[in-house]
């Protein structure tokens, strides 16, 4: 399965164990999990991210390529 993102890879960081993090688009603080996720259909998931440092919120959508 291939993961296709509709947002740029800029702003993604990695912890020492390799788990990707999202960086706040406002202040750059690392966010390790979305506040909520929503399954839009069979191949798209929307995430709401909220920064604990500055309170900024933004959404991303991840699309899984068809097999």
C-alpha atoms as a PDB file:
ATOM      1  CA  UNK A   1       0.000   0.000   0.000  1.00  0.00           C
ATOM      2  CA  UNK A   2       1.336   3.415  -0.948  1.00  0.00           C
ATOM      3  CA  UNK A   3       0.628   6.482   1.176  1.00  0.00           C
ATOM      4  CA  UNK A   4      -0.092   9.675  -0.771  1.00  0.00           C
ATOM      5  CA  UNK A   5      -0.315  13.019   1.085  1.00  0.00           C
ATOM      6  CA  UNK A   6      -2.028  16.155  -0.137  1.00  0.00           C
ATOM      7  CA  UNK A   7       0.222  18.375   2.012  1.00  0.00           C
ATOM      8  CA  UNK A   8       3.933  19.085   1.546  1.00  0.00           C
ATOM      9  CA  UNK A   9       6.559  17.074   3.419  1.00  0.00           C
ATOM     10  CA  UNK A  10       8.034  20.353   4.678  1.00  0.00           C
ATOM     11  CA  UNK A  11       7.367  20.552   8.381  1.00  0.00           C
ATOM     12  CA  UNK A  12       7.711  16.832   9.039  1.00  0.00           C
ATOM     13  CA  UNK A  13      10.369  15.843  11.557  1.00  0.00           C
ATOM     14  CA  UNK A  14      11.468  12.510  13.006  1.00  0.00           C
ATOM     15  CA  UNK A  15      12.053  11.378  16.559  1.00  0.00           C
ATOM     16  CA  UNK A  16      15.019   9.248  17.451  1.00  0.00           C
ATOM     17  CA  UNK A  17      12.924   6.092  17.004  1.00  0.00           C
ATOM     18  CA  UNK A  18      11.843   7.219  13.531  1.00  0.00           C
ATOM     19  CA  UNK A  19       8.184   8.059  14.141  1.00  0.00           C
ATOM     20  CA  UNK A  20       7.221  11.041  11.967  1.00  0.00           C
ATOM     21  CA  UNK A  21       5.906  14.174  13.645  1.00  0.00           C
ATOM     22  CA  UNK A  22       4.013  17.118  12.253  1.00  0.00           C
ATOM     23  CA  UNK A  23       5.364  20.560  13.055  1.00  0.00           C
ATOM     24  CA  UNK A  24       2.970  23.402  13.823  1.00  0.00           C
ATOM     25  CA  UNK A  25       2.612  25.565  10.734  1.00  0.00           C
ATOM     26  CA  UNK A  26       2.501  28.648  12.959  1.00  0.00           C
ATOM     27  CA  UNK A  27       5.341  28.203  15.500  1.00  0.00           C
ATOM     28  CA  UNK A  28       7.186  24.980  14.506  1.00  0.00           C
ATOM     29  CA  UNK A  29       6.385  23.044  17.736  1.00  0.00           C
ATOM     30  CA  UNK A  30       6.315  19.249  17.163  1.00  0.00           C
ATOM     31  CA  UNK A  31       2.870  17.637  17.317  1.00  0.00           C
ATOM     32  CA  UNK A  32       2.947  13.852  17.680  1.00  0.00           C
ATOM     33  CA  UNK A  33      -0.737  12.954  17.240  1.00  0.00           C
ATOM     34  CA  UNK A  34      -3.852  14.558  15.782  1.00  0.00           C
ATOM     35  CA  UNK A  35      -6.622  15.860  18.018  1.00  0.00           C
ATOM     36  CA  UNK A  36      -9.079  13.818  15.955  1.00  0.00           C
ATOM     37  CA  UNK A  37      -9.212  11.822  12.742  1.00  0.00           C
ATOM     38  CA  UNK A  38     -12.124  11.250  10.384  1.00  0.00           C
ATOM     39  CA  UNK A  39     -12.481   8.533   7.758  1.00  0.00           C
ATOM     40  CA  UNK A  40     -13.854  10.365   4.700  1.00  0.00           C
ATOM     41  CA  UNK A  41     -14.228   7.324   2.464  1.00  0.00           C
ATOM     42  CA  UNK A  42     -12.387   4.108   1.662  1.00  0.00           C
ATOM     43  CA  UNK A  43      -9.064   5.771   0.880  1.00  0.00           C
ATOM     44  CA  UNK A  44      -8.984   9.206   2.605  1.00  0.00           C
ATOM     45  CA  UNK A  45      -8.530  10.204   6.258  1.00  0.00           C
ATOM     46  CA  UNK A  46      -8.699  13.772   7.565  1.00  0.00           C
ATOM     47  CA  UNK A  47      -6.735  14.792  10.680  1.00  0.00           C
ATOM     48  CA  UNK A  48      -7.164  17.864  12.883  1.00  0.00           C
ATOM     49  CA  UNK A  49      -3.909  19.002  14.480  1.00  0.00           C
ATOM     50  CA  UNK A  50      -3.822  21.473  17.392  1.00  0.00           C
ATOM     51  CA  UNK A  51      -0.570  22.923  18.707  1.00  0.00           C
ATOM     52  CA  UNK A  52      -0.186  22.776  22.487  1.00  0.00           C
ATOM     53  CA  UNK A  53       2.365  25.611  22.383  1.00  0.00           C
ATOM     54  CA  UNK A  54       0.433  28.297  20.489  1.00  0.00           C
ATOM     55  CA  UNK A  55      -3.097  26.905  20.037  1.00  0.00           C
ATOM     56  CA  UNK A  56      -2.990  27.004  16.216  1.00  0.00           C
ATOM     57  CA  UNK A  57      -5.158  24.340  14.511  1.00  0.00           C
ATOM     58  CA  UNK A  58      -4.954  22.969  10.985  1.00  0.00           C
ATOM     59  CA  UNK A  59      -6.211  19.979   9.001  1.00  0.00           C
ATOM     60  CA  UNK A  60      -4.440  17.491   6.758  1.00  0.00           C
ATOM     61  CA  UNK A  61      -5.862  14.801   4.508  1.00  0.00           C
ATOM     62  CA  UNK A  62      -4.077  11.543   3.819  1.00  0.00           C
ATOM     63  CA  UNK A  63      -5.058   9.475   0.778  1.00  0.00           C
ATOM     64  CA  UNK A  64      -4.105   5.825   0.472  1.00  0.00           C
ATOM     65  CA  UNK A  65      -3.441   4.785  -3.113  1.00  0.00           C
ATOM     66  CA  UNK A  66      -5.651   2.018  -4.474  1.00  0.00           C
ATOM     67  CA  UNK A  67      -4.042  -1.410  -4.443  1.00  0.00           C
END
